[in-house]
Amino acid sequence: MTSISATESDRRRLTASIKQSLRALSIQLSLLNHQVGARAGLNDVDLDCLDLIARHGPISPSSLAQRAALSAIRPTGGPCGCGPCATGAPSWCGSMRG
């Protein structure tokens, strides 16, 4: 029975080590996202929303809010909700895709 206990103990140790490593990775990714967002002039939530739009294509504000686990998104301008529409709208803007 000693070998079973050792195996269970090893499994618990490995599980704890993996969890700790995943937490550290999560923190490092959060810091990186924060730095990238700061350079682009975006907050963390804006960067998350842009990532969702990049992965899923143009989506409605309510769908974006649901996917981003936000309580609500209020459109501030154009039909995609990204802001005021103008000829210089960014390429990721949903209103630029017909």
N, C-alpha and C. Protein backbone atom coordinates (compact mmCIF):
# COMPACT_ATOMS: atom_id res chain seq x y z
N MET A 1 0.80 -1.19 0.00
CA MET A 1 0.00 0.00 0.00
C MET A 1 0.85 1.27 0.00
N THR A 2 2.10 1.12 0.32
CA THR A 2 3.00 2.25 0.33
C THR A 2 3.16 2.84 -1.06
N SER A 3 3.23 2.00 -2.09
CA SER A 3 3.41 2.51 -3.45
C SER A 3 2.19 3.30 -3.91
N ILE A 4 1.01 2.90 -3.49
CA ILE A 4 -0.21 3.63 -3.84
C ILE A 4 -0.20 5.00 -3.16
N SER A 5 0.17 5.05 -1.91
CA SER A 5 0.24 6.32 -1.19
C SER A 5 1.28 7.24 -1.81
N ALA A 6 2.40 6.68 -2.21
CA ALA A 6 3.44 7.49 -2.84
C ALA A 6 2.93 8.04 -4.17
N THR A 7 2.22 7.24 -4.91
CA THR A 7 1.68 7.67 -6.19
C THR A 7 0.66 8.78 -5.99
N GLU A 8 -0.20 8.63 -5.02
CA GLU A 8 -1.19 9.67 -4.74
C GLU A 8 -0.51 10.95 -4.26
N SER A 9 0.51 10.79 -3.45
CA SER A 9 1.25 11.94 -2.96
C SER A 9 1.97 12.65 -4.11
N ASP A 10 2.57 11.86 -5.00
CA ASP A 10 3.23 12.44 -6.18
C ASP A 10 2.22 13.18 -7.06
N ARG A 11 1.08 12.59 -7.23
CA ARG A 11 0.04 13.21 -8.06
C ARG A 11 -0.39 14.54 -7.45
N ARG A 12 -0.58 14.57 -6.15
CA ARG A 12 -0.97 15.82 -5.48
C ARG A 12 0.11 16.88 -5.63
N ARG A 13 1.37 16.47 -5.46
CA ARG A 13 2.49 17.40 -5.62
C ARG A 13 2.56 17.94 -7.05
N LEU A 14 2.42 17.06 -8.03
CA LEU A 14 2.44 17.47 -9.43
C LEU A 14 1.27 18.40 -9.75
N THR A 15 0.10 18.08 -9.25
CA THR A 15 -1.08 18.91 -9.47
C THR A 15 -0.87 20.30 -8.88
N ALA A 16 -0.34 20.35 -7.67
CA ALA A 16 -0.07 21.64 -7.03
C ALA A 16 0.97 22.43 -7.82
N SER A 17 1.98 21.75 -8.31
CA SER A 17 3.03 22.41 -9.09
C SER A 17 2.47 22.96 -10.41
N ILE A 18 1.64 22.19 -11.07
CA ILE A 18 1.01 22.64 -12.32
C ILE A 18 0.12 23.84 -12.07
N LYS A 19 -0.67 23.79 -11.02
CA LYS A 19 -1.55 24.92 -10.68
C LYS A 19 -0.73 26.18 -10.42
N GLN A 20 0.36 26.03 -9.68
CA GLN A 20 1.22 27.17 -9.37
C GLN A 20 1.83 27.74 -10.66
N SER A 21 2.26 26.87 -11.55
CA SER A 21 2.84 27.32 -12.82
C SER A 21 1.80 28.02 -13.68
N LEU A 22 0.59 27.51 -13.71
CA LEU A 22 -0.48 28.14 -14.48
C LEU A 22 -0.84 29.52 -13.91
N ARG A 23 -0.83 29.64 -12.58
CA ARG A 23 -1.09 30.95 -11.98
C ARG A 23 0.00 31.94 -12.36
N ALA A 24 1.24 31.50 -12.32
CA ALA A 24 2.36 32.38 -12.69
C ALA A 24 2.27 32.79 -14.15
N LEU A 25 1.92 31.85 -15.03
CA LEU A 25 1.75 32.16 -16.44
C LEU A 25 0.62 33.15 -16.65
N SER A 26 -0.47 32.96 -15.95
CA SER A 26 -1.62 33.87 -16.06
C SER A 26 -1.23 35.29 -15.66
N ILE A 27 -0.46 35.41 -14.59
CA ILE A 27 -0.01 36.73 -14.14
C ILE A 27 0.89 37.37 -15.19
N GLN A 28 1.82 36.59 -15.74
CA GLN A 28 2.73 37.12 -16.76
C GLN A 28 1.97 37.55 -18.01
N LEU A 29 0.97 36.78 -18.43
CA LEU A 29 0.15 37.15 -19.60
C LEU A 29 -0.65 38.41 -19.32
N SER A 30 -1.17 38.54 -18.12
CA SER A 30 -1.90 39.75 -17.75
C SER A 30 -1.01 40.98 -17.80
N LEU A 31 0.20 40.84 -17.29
CA LEU A 31 1.15 41.95 -17.33
C LEU A 31 1.51 42.31 -18.77
N LEU A 32 1.73 41.31 -19.61
CA LEU A 32 2.05 41.56 -21.01
C LEU A 32 0.89 42.26 -21.71
N ASN A 33 -0.32 41.77 -21.50
CA ASN A 33 -1.50 42.40 -22.10
C ASN A 33 -1.64 43.85 -21.64
N HIS A 34 -1.36 44.10 -20.38
CA HIS A 34 -1.44 45.46 -19.86
C HIS A 34 -0.42 46.36 -20.54
N GLN A 35 0.79 45.86 -20.73
CA GLN A 35 1.83 46.64 -21.39
C GLN A 35 1.48 46.90 -22.86
N VAL A 36 0.99 45.89 -23.56
CA VAL A 36 0.60 46.06 -24.96
C VAL A 36 -0.55 47.07 -25.06
N GLY A 37 -1.54 46.93 -24.19
CA GLY A 37 -2.66 47.86 -24.19
C GLY A 37 -2.23 49.29 -23.90
N ALA A 38 -1.32 49.44 -22.96
CA ALA A 38 -0.84 50.78 -22.61
C ALA A 38 -0.14 51.43 -23.80
N ARG A 39 0.64 50.67 -24.52
CA ARG A 39 1.32 51.21 -25.71
C ARG A 39 0.33 51.58 -26.80
N ALA A 40 -0.77 50.86 -26.88
CA ALA A 40 -1.79 51.13 -27.90
C ALA A 40 -2.83 52.14 -27.41
N GLY A 41 -2.72 52.54 -26.16
CA GLY A 41 -3.69 53.49 -25.60
C GLY A 41 -5.02 52.83 -25.26
N LEU A 42 -4.99 51.55 -24.93
CA LEU A 42 -6.21 50.80 -24.60
C LEU A 42 -6.13 50.27 -23.19
N ASN A 43 -7.29 50.16 -22.54
CA ASN A 43 -7.29 49.51 -21.23
C ASN A 43 -7.44 48.00 -21.44
N ASP A 44 -7.35 47.24 -20.37
CA ASP A 44 -7.37 45.78 -20.47
C ASP A 44 -8.66 45.25 -21.09
N VAL A 45 -9.79 45.83 -20.72
CA VAL A 45 -11.08 45.37 -21.25
C VAL A 45 -11.17 45.66 -22.75
N ASP A 46 -10.70 46.85 -23.17
CA ASP A 46 -10.70 47.18 -24.60
C ASP A 46 -9.86 46.16 -25.37
N LEU A 47 -8.69 45.82 -24.84
CA LEU A 47 -7.82 44.86 -25.50
C LEU A 47 -8.48 43.49 -25.58
N ASP A 48 -9.15 43.07 -24.52
CA ASP A 48 -9.88 41.80 -24.54
C ASP A 48 -10.98 41.81 -25.60
N CYS A 49 -11.69 42.93 -25.69
CA CYS A 49 -12.77 43.03 -26.68
C CYS A 49 -12.22 43.02 -28.11
N LEU A 50 -11.10 43.69 -28.34
CA LEU A 50 -10.48 43.66 -29.66
C LEU A 50 -10.04 42.25 -30.02
N ASP A 51 -9.54 41.52 -29.03
CA ASP A 51 -9.15 40.13 -29.27
C ASP A 51 -10.37 39.30 -29.68
N LEU A 52 -11.48 39.50 -29.00
CA LEU A 52 -12.70 38.77 -29.35
C LEU A 52 -13.17 39.12 -30.76
N ILE A 53 -13.11 40.39 -31.13
CA ILE A 53 -13.51 40.81 -32.47
C ILE A 53 -12.56 40.21 -33.51
N ALA A 54 -11.27 40.20 -33.21
CA ALA A 54 -10.30 39.62 -34.14
C ALA A 54 -10.54 38.13 -34.36
N ARG A 55 -10.94 37.43 -33.29
CA ARG A 55 -11.16 35.99 -33.40
C ARG A 55 -12.50 35.63 -34.00
N HIS A 56 -13.54 36.43 -33.73
CA HIS A 56 -14.90 36.07 -34.13
C HIS A 56 -15.47 36.94 -35.24
N GLY A 57 -14.75 37.99 -35.63
CA GLY A 57 -15.26 38.91 -36.65
C GLY A 57 -16.20 39.91 -36.04
N PRO A 58 -16.78 40.77 -36.88
CA PRO A 58 -17.71 41.79 -36.37
C PRO A 58 -18.87 41.13 -35.61
N ILE A 59 -19.12 41.62 -34.41
CA ILE A 59 -20.23 41.11 -33.61
C ILE A 59 -20.94 42.30 -32.97
N SER A 60 -22.18 42.07 -32.61
CA SER A 60 -22.98 43.15 -32.02
C SER A 60 -22.45 43.50 -30.63
N PRO A 61 -22.74 44.70 -30.16
CA PRO A 61 -22.31 45.08 -28.81
C PRO A 61 -22.81 44.12 -27.73
N SER A 62 -24.05 43.66 -27.87
CA SER A 62 -24.58 42.74 -26.85
C SER A 62 -23.87 41.39 -26.89
N SER A 63 -23.55 40.91 -28.09
CA SER A 63 -22.81 39.65 -28.20
C SER A 63 -21.40 39.80 -27.67
N LEU A 64 -20.78 40.95 -27.95
CA LEU A 64 -19.45 41.24 -27.43
C LEU A 64 -19.46 41.28 -25.91
N ALA A 65 -20.47 41.92 -25.34
CA ALA A 65 -20.59 42.00 -23.89
C ALA A 65 -20.73 40.61 -23.28
N GLN A 66 -21.53 39.77 -23.93
CA GLN A 66 -21.74 38.41 -23.43
C GLN A 66 -20.44 37.61 -23.50
N ARG A 67 -19.76 37.67 -24.64
CA ARG A 67 -18.52 36.90 -24.80
C ARG A 67 -17.41 37.42 -23.88
N ALA A 68 -17.41 38.72 -23.60
CA ALA A 68 -16.39 39.30 -22.73
C ALA A 68 -16.80 39.25 -21.26
N ALA A 69 -17.96 38.70 -20.98
CA ALA A 69 -18.50 38.61 -19.61
C ALA A 69 -18.62 39.99 -18.97
N LEU A 70 -19.10 40.95 -19.76
CA LEU A 70 -19.34 42.30 -19.27
C LEU A 70 -20.84 42.49 -19.06
N SER A 71 -21.20 43.40 -18.17
CA SER A 71 -22.61 43.61 -17.89
C SER A 71 -23.30 44.34 -19.03
N ALA A 72 -22.62 45.26 -19.69
CA ALA A 72 -23.22 45.98 -20.80
C ALA A 72 -22.14 46.73 -21.56
N ILE A 73 -22.38 46.89 -22.85
CA ILE A 73 -21.53 47.72 -23.67
C ILE A 73 -22.43 48.74 -24.33
N ARG A 74 -22.07 50.00 -24.19
CA ARG A 74 -22.86 51.05 -24.81
C ARG A 74 -22.12 51.56 -26.03
N PRO A 75 -22.72 51.40 -27.19
CA PRO A 75 -22.06 51.90 -28.40
C PRO A 75 -21.82 53.40 -28.28
N THR A 76 -20.67 53.84 -28.75
CA THR A 76 -20.33 55.26 -28.63
C THR A 76 -20.32 55.96 -29.98
N GLY A 77 -20.70 55.27 -31.02
CA GLY A 77 -20.68 55.95 -32.31
C GLY A 77 -21.21 55.10 -33.43
N GLY A 78 -20.31 54.52 -34.20
CA GLY A 78 -20.67 53.81 -35.43
C GLY A 78 -21.49 52.56 -35.20
N PRO A 79 -21.91 51.94 -36.30
CA PRO A 79 -22.78 50.76 -36.21
C PRO A 79 -22.16 49.58 -35.49
N CYS A 80 -20.84 49.53 -35.43
CA CYS A 80 -20.21 48.40 -34.73
C CYS A 80 -20.01 48.70 -33.25
N GLY A 81 -20.18 49.96 -32.86
CA GLY A 81 -20.03 50.31 -31.45
C GLY A 81 -18.61 50.62 -31.03
N CYS A 82 -17.67 50.66 -31.99
CA CYS A 82 -16.27 50.88 -31.61
C CYS A 82 -15.95 52.34 -31.39
N GLY A 83 -16.77 53.24 -31.81
CA GLY A 83 -16.49 54.66 -31.64
C GLY A 83 -16.99 55.43 -32.84
N PRO A 84 -16.66 56.69 -32.91
CA PRO A 84 -17.13 57.51 -34.03
C PRO A 84 -16.60 56.98 -35.35
N CYS A 85 -17.48 56.81 -36.31
CA CYS A 85 -17.05 56.35 -37.62
C CYS A 85 -16.51 57.53 -38.41
N ALA A 86 -15.44 57.28 -39.11
CA ALA A 86 -14.82 58.29 -39.96
C ALA A 86 -14.05 57.57 -41.05
N THR A 87 -13.57 58.29 -42.01
CA THR A 87 -12.81 57.66 -43.09
C THR A 87 -11.55 56.99 -42.57
N GLY A 88 -11.08 57.41 -41.43
CA GLY A 88 -9.87 56.82 -40.86
C GLY A 88 -10.17 55.72 -39.86
N ALA A 89 -11.35 55.09 -39.96
CA ALA A 89 -11.70 54.03 -39.01
C ALA A 89 -10.68 52.90 -39.10
N PRO A 90 -10.35 52.27 -37.98
CA PRO A 90 -9.36 51.19 -37.99
C PRO A 90 -9.83 49.99 -38.80
N SER A 91 -8.89 49.20 -39.28
CA SER A 91 -9.22 48.06 -40.15
C SER A 91 -10.06 47.00 -39.43
N TRP A 92 -9.97 46.94 -38.08
CA TRP A 92 -10.74 45.94 -37.34
C TRP A 92 -12.18 46.36 -37.13
N CYS A 93 -12.52 47.57 -37.49
CA CYS A 93 -13.86 48.09 -37.27
C CYS A 93 -14.90 47.32 -38.07
N GLY A 94 -15.92 46.86 -37.41
CA GLY A 94 -16.98 46.09 -38.07
C GLY A 94 -17.72 46.86 -39.15
N SER A 95 -17.81 48.17 -39.03
CA SER A 95 -18.53 48.95 -40.03
C SER A 95 -17.76 49.06 -41.32
N MET A 96 -16.48 48.71 -41.30
CA MET A 96 -15.66 48.79 -42.51
C MET A 96 -15.86 47.56 -43.38
N ARG A 97 -16.55 46.55 -42.88
CA ARG A 97 -16.72 45.28 -43.61
C ARG A 97 -18.13 45.16 -44.17
N GLY A 98 -18.59 46.14 -44.85
CA GLY A 98 -19.86 46.12 -45.53
C GLY A 98 -20.96 45.62 -44.73
